[in-house]
Structures are given as structure tokens and as C-alpha cells.
Amino acid sequence: MRSKWTLFTGIILLITGIILRVNTELGYAPILFIIAGVILKTYYIIGKARKGEYKPGYELLFLFVGLFMFLSGIYLRSQELTFNPFFLILSGITLKVIFVILFIANIRSNRKILE
């Protein structure tokens, strides 16, 4: 748990930012929460890679595409469009969840190899 504080804090900040963004009109504050959450989660992933506990692979594609779709959907919500940007947001979140599942599986498989 000691090494996972950045991951859990990043997740909490990210969720808080999303909830604030959807339910309030606070302006840039929710975006700062989201960015801080992303930075902490990125720091955690880089730390795992440096320690050799995580070997980056194709799952990073899910993360980057999901993040792009999610942020694009949030931006496009303020625009007048013929389609609903909610589908971009939902697809982005789904891809990010897939990344998390693959990330955990990758760390667990590397842990078994190291033991």
C-alpha cells in the first residue's frame, strides 16, 4: 500500500474532477483535478517501469487512445454537434478500464517471473 498512494490518490483526483466537471460550473478547477490525477497515475506507471515491475506493451495504446477520446468528448460537449460526445467519453473510459486490467495482469505476470 505504501507504494500505491500515488495511484490511489490519482484515481481519487481523477474521479473527483470528472464528477465536479459534470455536476458543477466551476470552470478550470475540475480540469486541474483531472490533470493532477493523470500526472499521479503516470508517475506510478513510470515508477513501476523503472523498477522493472512493469514492462510497457500494447496496452499503452488503449490508454492513449482512451485518454484522447475521453478528453475530446469533454471538449466537444461545449460545441454544437450532430452527434452526442457522450459516446466518445464512454468509449474513452472503457478503453482506460481495459488498460488498467491489462496493466494489473502485466504486473502480476512480471511479479511471478521475478519470484
N, C-alpha and C. Protein backbone atom coordinates (compact mmCIF):
# COMPACT_ATOMS: atom_id res chain seq x y z
N MET A 1 0.82 -1.20 0.00
CA MET A 1 0.00 0.00 0.00
C MET A 1 0.86 1.25 0.00
N ARG A 2 2.02 1.18 0.62
CA ARG A 2 2.87 2.34 0.74
C ARG A 2 3.25 2.89 -0.64
N SER A 3 3.55 2.01 -1.57
CA SER A 3 3.97 2.47 -2.90
C SER A 3 2.79 2.81 -3.80
N LYS A 4 1.59 2.50 -3.38
CA LYS A 4 0.42 2.71 -4.23
C LYS A 4 -0.33 4.00 -3.92
N TRP A 5 0.20 4.82 -3.01
CA TRP A 5 -0.53 6.03 -2.65
C TRP A 5 -0.69 6.96 -3.85
N THR A 6 0.30 7.01 -4.74
CA THR A 6 0.17 7.88 -5.90
C THR A 6 -0.91 7.38 -6.84
N LEU A 7 -1.02 6.08 -6.98
CA LEU A 7 -2.05 5.51 -7.84
C LEU A 7 -3.44 5.81 -7.29
N PHE A 8 -3.67 5.52 -6.01
CA PHE A 8 -4.99 5.74 -5.42
C PHE A 8 -5.35 7.21 -5.33
N THR A 9 -4.37 8.06 -5.00
CA THR A 9 -4.63 9.50 -4.96
C THR A 9 -4.96 10.00 -6.36
N GLY A 10 -4.23 9.51 -7.37
CA GLY A 10 -4.52 9.89 -8.75
C GLY A 10 -5.91 9.48 -9.19
N ILE A 11 -6.31 8.28 -8.82
CA ILE A 11 -7.66 7.81 -9.17
C ILE A 11 -8.71 8.67 -8.49
N ILE A 12 -8.51 8.97 -7.20
CA ILE A 12 -9.48 9.80 -6.46
C ILE A 12 -9.57 11.19 -7.06
N LEU A 13 -8.42 11.80 -7.39
CA LEU A 13 -8.44 13.13 -8.00
C LEU A 13 -9.12 13.10 -9.37
N LEU A 14 -8.86 12.07 -10.14
CA LEU A 14 -9.46 11.95 -11.46
C LEU A 14 -10.98 11.82 -11.36
N ILE A 15 -11.45 10.96 -10.49
CA ILE A 15 -12.90 10.77 -10.31
C ILE A 15 -13.54 12.05 -9.78
N THR A 16 -12.87 12.70 -8.81
CA THR A 16 -13.39 13.95 -8.26
C THR A 16 -13.50 15.00 -9.36
N GLY A 17 -12.48 15.11 -10.19
CA GLY A 17 -12.51 16.07 -11.28
C GLY A 17 -13.63 15.80 -12.27
N ILE A 18 -13.83 14.52 -12.58
CA ILE A 18 -14.91 14.17 -13.52
C ILE A 18 -16.27 14.51 -12.92
N ILE A 19 -16.46 14.16 -11.66
CA ILE A 19 -17.75 14.45 -11.00
C ILE A 19 -17.99 15.96 -10.94
N LEU A 20 -16.96 16.72 -10.57
CA LEU A 20 -17.10 18.17 -10.50
C LEU A 20 -17.36 18.77 -11.87
N ARG A 21 -16.71 18.23 -12.88
CA ARG A 21 -16.88 18.75 -14.25
C ARG A 21 -18.30 18.52 -14.75
N VAL A 22 -18.85 17.35 -14.44
CA VAL A 22 -20.19 17.01 -14.92
C VAL A 22 -21.27 17.74 -14.13
N ASN A 23 -21.08 17.88 -12.81
CA ASN A 23 -22.16 18.36 -11.96
C ASN A 23 -22.08 19.83 -11.55
N THR A 24 -20.99 20.51 -11.87
CA THR A 24 -20.86 21.91 -11.45
C THR A 24 -20.39 22.77 -12.61
N GLU A 25 -20.36 24.04 -12.37
CA GLU A 25 -19.85 25.01 -13.34
C GLU A 25 -18.64 25.73 -12.75
N LEU A 26 -17.70 24.98 -12.21
CA LEU A 26 -16.55 25.58 -11.53
C LEU A 26 -15.47 26.10 -12.46
N GLY A 27 -15.59 25.90 -13.74
CA GLY A 27 -14.58 26.40 -14.67
C GLY A 27 -13.40 25.47 -14.77
N TYR A 28 -12.22 25.97 -14.40
CA TYR A 28 -10.98 25.20 -14.60
C TYR A 28 -10.62 24.29 -13.42
N ALA A 29 -11.24 24.45 -12.27
CA ALA A 29 -10.89 23.63 -11.10
C ALA A 29 -11.04 22.13 -11.37
N PRO A 30 -12.14 21.66 -11.95
CA PRO A 30 -12.24 20.22 -12.23
C PRO A 30 -11.16 19.73 -13.19
N ILE A 31 -10.80 20.56 -14.15
CA ILE A 31 -9.76 20.17 -15.10
C ILE A 31 -8.42 20.02 -14.38
N LEU A 32 -8.17 20.88 -13.40
CA LEU A 32 -6.93 20.76 -12.62
C LEU A 32 -6.91 19.46 -11.81
N PHE A 33 -8.06 19.07 -11.27
CA PHE A 33 -8.15 17.78 -10.57
C PHE A 33 -7.85 16.63 -11.53
N ILE A 34 -8.44 16.68 -12.72
CA ILE A 34 -8.24 15.62 -13.71
C ILE A 34 -6.76 15.55 -14.11
N ILE A 35 -6.16 16.70 -14.38
CA ILE A 35 -4.75 16.71 -14.79
C ILE A 35 -3.86 16.20 -13.66
N ALA A 36 -4.13 16.62 -12.42
CA ALA A 36 -3.33 16.14 -11.28
C ALA A 36 -3.47 14.63 -11.12
N GLY A 37 -4.68 14.11 -11.31
CA GLY A 37 -4.89 12.66 -11.24
C GLY A 37 -4.14 11.91 -12.31
N VAL A 38 -4.15 12.44 -13.53
CA VAL A 38 -3.43 11.81 -14.63
C VAL A 38 -1.93 11.83 -14.37
N ILE A 39 -1.42 12.94 -13.85
CA ILE A 39 0.01 13.05 -13.56
C ILE A 39 0.43 12.04 -12.50
N LEU A 40 -0.36 11.91 -11.43
CA LEU A 40 -0.01 10.96 -10.37
C LEU A 40 -0.06 9.52 -10.87
N LYS A 41 -1.06 9.19 -11.68
CA LYS A 41 -1.14 7.84 -12.23
C LYS A 41 0.02 7.58 -13.18
N THR A 42 0.39 8.57 -13.97
CA THR A 42 1.54 8.43 -14.87
C THR A 42 2.82 8.23 -14.08
N TYR A 43 2.97 8.97 -13.01
CA TYR A 43 4.14 8.84 -12.13
C TYR A 43 4.23 7.41 -11.58
N TYR A 44 3.10 6.86 -11.18
CA TYR A 44 3.06 5.50 -10.65
C TYR A 44 3.49 4.49 -11.73
N ILE A 45 2.96 4.64 -12.94
CA ILE A 45 3.29 3.72 -14.03
C ILE A 45 4.78 3.81 -14.38
N ILE A 46 5.30 5.02 -14.45
CA ILE A 46 6.73 5.19 -14.77
C ILE A 46 7.59 4.60 -13.66
N GLY A 47 7.18 4.78 -12.41
CA GLY A 47 7.92 4.19 -11.28
C GLY A 47 7.96 2.67 -11.36
N LYS A 48 6.84 2.06 -11.71
CA LYS A 48 6.80 0.61 -11.87
C LYS A 48 7.69 0.15 -13.02
N ALA A 49 7.72 0.92 -14.09
CA ALA A 49 8.56 0.56 -15.23
C ALA A 49 10.04 0.68 -14.88
N ARG A 50 10.40 1.70 -14.13
CA ARG A 50 11.80 1.88 -13.74
C ARG A 50 12.29 0.78 -12.80
N LYS A 51 11.40 0.31 -11.94
CA LYS A 51 11.76 -0.77 -11.00
C LYS A 51 11.80 -2.13 -11.70
N GLY A 52 11.32 -2.19 -12.92
CA GLY A 52 11.29 -3.45 -13.65
C GLY A 52 10.07 -4.30 -13.34
N GLU A 53 9.13 -3.74 -12.60
CA GLU A 53 7.91 -4.48 -12.25
C GLU A 53 6.87 -4.41 -13.37
N TYR A 54 7.07 -3.50 -14.29
CA TYR A 54 6.13 -3.34 -15.40
C TYR A 54 6.92 -3.14 -16.68
N LYS A 55 6.57 -3.94 -17.68
CA LYS A 55 7.19 -3.80 -18.99
C LYS A 55 6.10 -3.31 -19.94
N PRO A 56 6.22 -2.04 -20.35
CA PRO A 56 5.18 -1.47 -21.22
C PRO A 56 5.00 -2.27 -22.50
N GLY A 57 3.76 -2.38 -22.92
CA GLY A 57 3.44 -3.12 -24.13
C GLY A 57 2.30 -2.46 -24.88
N TYR A 58 1.59 -3.28 -25.61
CA TYR A 58 0.50 -2.79 -26.45
C TYR A 58 -0.63 -2.15 -25.66
N GLU A 59 -0.72 -2.46 -24.36
CA GLU A 59 -1.81 -1.91 -23.55
C GLU A 59 -1.73 -0.39 -23.44
N LEU A 60 -0.56 0.18 -23.66
CA LEU A 60 -0.44 1.64 -23.64
C LEU A 60 -1.26 2.29 -24.76
N LEU A 61 -1.46 1.56 -25.85
CA LEU A 61 -2.29 2.06 -26.93
C LEU A 61 -3.72 2.30 -26.43
N PHE A 62 -4.24 1.38 -25.61
CA PHE A 62 -5.57 1.56 -25.03
C PHE A 62 -5.62 2.81 -24.17
N LEU A 63 -4.56 3.04 -23.40
CA LEU A 63 -4.51 4.21 -22.53
C LEU A 63 -4.52 5.50 -23.34
N PHE A 64 -3.64 5.62 -24.33
CA PHE A 64 -3.53 6.86 -25.09
C PHE A 64 -4.76 7.13 -25.93
N VAL A 65 -5.28 6.11 -26.59
CA VAL A 65 -6.49 6.30 -27.40
C VAL A 65 -7.67 6.62 -26.49
N GLY A 66 -7.78 5.92 -25.35
CA GLY A 66 -8.86 6.20 -24.41
C GLY A 66 -8.79 7.59 -23.83
N LEU A 67 -7.60 8.03 -23.49
CA LEU A 67 -7.42 9.38 -22.96
C LEU A 67 -7.78 10.42 -24.01
N PHE A 68 -7.34 10.21 -25.25
CA PHE A 68 -7.67 11.13 -26.33
C PHE A 68 -9.18 11.21 -26.55
N MET A 69 -9.84 10.05 -26.58
CA MET A 69 -11.29 10.04 -26.80
C MET A 69 -12.03 10.70 -25.65
N PHE A 70 -11.59 10.42 -24.42
CA PHE A 70 -12.24 11.00 -23.25
C PHE A 70 -12.11 12.52 -23.25
N LEU A 71 -10.90 13.01 -23.44
CA LEU A 71 -10.69 14.47 -23.42
C LEU A 71 -11.37 15.14 -24.61
N SER A 72 -11.39 14.48 -25.76
CA SER A 72 -12.09 15.03 -26.92
C SER A 72 -13.59 15.13 -26.64
N GLY A 73 -14.14 14.10 -26.03
CA GLY A 73 -15.56 14.12 -25.69
C GLY A 73 -15.91 15.23 -24.72
N ILE A 74 -15.04 15.44 -23.72
CA ILE A 74 -15.28 16.53 -22.77
C ILE A 74 -15.23 17.88 -23.47
N TYR A 75 -14.24 18.06 -24.34
CA TYR A 75 -14.14 19.32 -25.07
C TYR A 75 -15.35 19.53 -25.98
N LEU A 76 -15.75 18.48 -26.70
CA LEU A 76 -16.82 18.60 -27.68
C LEU A 76 -18.20 18.77 -27.03
N ARG A 77 -18.32 18.53 -25.73
CA ARG A 77 -19.61 18.74 -25.06
C ARG A 77 -20.04 20.19 -25.14
N SER A 78 -19.09 21.10 -25.20
CA SER A 78 -19.43 22.52 -25.25
C SER A 78 -19.71 23.01 -26.66
N GLN A 79 -19.55 22.16 -27.66
CA GLN A 79 -19.77 22.53 -29.06
C GLN A 79 -21.14 22.02 -29.51
N GLU A 80 -21.70 22.67 -30.51
CA GLU A 80 -22.96 22.20 -31.09
C GLU A 80 -22.63 21.21 -32.19
N LEU A 81 -22.98 19.95 -31.95
CA LEU A 81 -22.64 18.87 -32.89
C LEU A 81 -23.88 18.09 -33.26
N THR A 82 -23.75 17.30 -34.33
CA THR A 82 -24.86 16.45 -34.74
C THR A 82 -24.84 15.10 -34.01
N PHE A 83 -23.75 14.78 -33.31
CA PHE A 83 -23.68 13.53 -32.55
C PHE A 83 -23.42 13.86 -31.08
N ASN A 84 -23.69 12.90 -30.25
CA ASN A 84 -23.54 13.08 -28.81
C ASN A 84 -22.12 12.72 -28.38
N PRO A 85 -21.35 13.68 -27.84
CA PRO A 85 -19.97 13.39 -27.43
C PRO A 85 -19.89 12.44 -26.23
N PHE A 86 -21.02 12.13 -25.61
CA PHE A 86 -21.05 11.17 -24.51
C PHE A 86 -20.48 9.82 -24.96
N PHE A 87 -20.70 9.47 -26.22
CA PHE A 87 -20.19 8.19 -26.73
C PHE A 87 -18.65 8.19 -26.77
N LEU A 88 -18.06 9.33 -27.08
CA LEU A 88 -16.60 9.44 -27.02
C LEU A 88 -16.11 9.30 -25.59
N ILE A 89 -16.79 9.95 -24.67
CA ILE A 89 -16.40 9.89 -23.26
C ILE A 89 -16.52 8.46 -22.75
N LEU A 90 -17.64 7.81 -23.03
CA LEU A 90 -17.86 6.44 -22.57
C LEU A 90 -16.86 5.47 -23.20
N SER A 91 -16.59 5.63 -24.48
CA SER A 91 -15.60 4.77 -25.15
C SER A 91 -14.21 5.00 -24.56
N GLY A 92 -13.87 6.24 -24.29
CA GLY A 92 -12.58 6.56 -23.69
C GLY A 92 -12.42 5.94 -22.32
N ILE A 93 -13.47 6.02 -21.51
CA ILE A 93 -13.41 5.41 -20.17
C ILE A 93 -13.29 3.90 -20.29
N THR A 94 -14.01 3.30 -21.22
CA THR A 94 -13.93 1.86 -21.43
C THR A 94 -12.51 1.43 -21.81
N LEU A 95 -11.89 2.16 -22.72
CA LEU A 95 -10.52 1.83 -23.12
C LEU A 95 -9.53 2.01 -21.97
N LYS A 96 -9.77 3.00 -21.14
CA LYS A 96 -8.88 3.22 -19.99
C LYS A 96 -9.07 2.10 -18.96
N VAL A 97 -10.27 1.60 -18.80
CA VAL A 97 -10.51 0.47 -17.90
C VAL A 97 -9.82 -0.78 -18.44
N ILE A 98 -9.89 -0.98 -19.75
CA ILE A 98 -9.19 -2.12 -20.36
C ILE A 98 -7.69 -2.00 -20.09
N PHE A 99 -7.15 -0.77 -20.22
CA PHE A 99 -5.73 -0.57 -19.92
C PHE A 99 -5.41 -0.97 -18.48
N VAL A 100 -6.24 -0.55 -17.53
CA VAL A 100 -5.98 -0.86 -16.12
C VAL A 100 -5.96 -2.37 -15.90
N ILE A 101 -6.91 -3.07 -16.50
CA ILE A 101 -6.97 -4.53 -16.36
C ILE A 101 -5.71 -5.17 -16.94
N LEU A 102 -5.30 -4.74 -18.13
CA LEU A 102 -4.10 -5.29 -18.75
C LEU A 102 -2.84 -4.90 -17.98
N PHE A 103 -2.82 -3.70 -17.42
CA PHE A 103 -1.68 -3.23 -16.62
C PHE A 103 -1.51 -4.11 -15.38
N ILE A 104 -2.61 -4.38 -14.68
CA ILE A 104 -2.55 -5.23 -13.48
C ILE A 104 -2.11 -6.64 -13.86
N ALA A 105 -2.65 -7.17 -14.95
CA ALA A 105 -2.25 -8.51 -15.40
C ALA A 105 -0.76 -8.56 -15.75
N ASN A 106 -0.26 -7.51 -16.38
CA ASN A 106 1.14 -7.43 -16.75
C ASN A 106 2.03 -7.40 -15.50
N ILE A 107 1.66 -6.60 -14.52
CA ILE A 107 2.45 -6.52 -13.28
C ILE A 107 2.44 -7.86 -12.55
N ARG A 108 1.29 -8.49 -12.47
CA ARG A 108 1.20 -9.79 -11.79
C ARG A 108 2.03 -10.85 -12.49
N SER A 109 2.00 -10.85 -13.82
CA SER A 109 2.79 -11.86 -14.55
C SER A 109 4.29 -11.59 -14.39
N ASN A 110 4.69 -10.33 -14.37
CA ASN A 110 6.11 -9.99 -14.15
C ASN A 110 6.54 -10.31 -12.73
N ARG A 111 5.65 -10.16 -11.78
CA ARG A 111 5.95 -10.47 -10.37
C ARG A 111 6.22 -11.98 -10.23
N LYS A 112 5.41 -12.80 -10.92
CA LYS A 112 5.59 -14.25 -10.84
C LYS A 112 6.91 -14.66 -11.50
N ILE A 113 7.29 -13.97 -12.57
CA ILE A 113 8.54 -14.28 -13.24
C ILE A 113 9.73 -13.93 -12.35
N LEU A 114 9.63 -12.80 -11.63
CA LEU A 114 10.73 -12.36 -10.78
C LEU A 114 10.91 -13.21 -9.54
N GLU A 115 9.85 -13.91 -9.12
CA GLU A 115 9.94 -14.73 -7.89
C GLU A 115 10.57 -16.03 -8.13
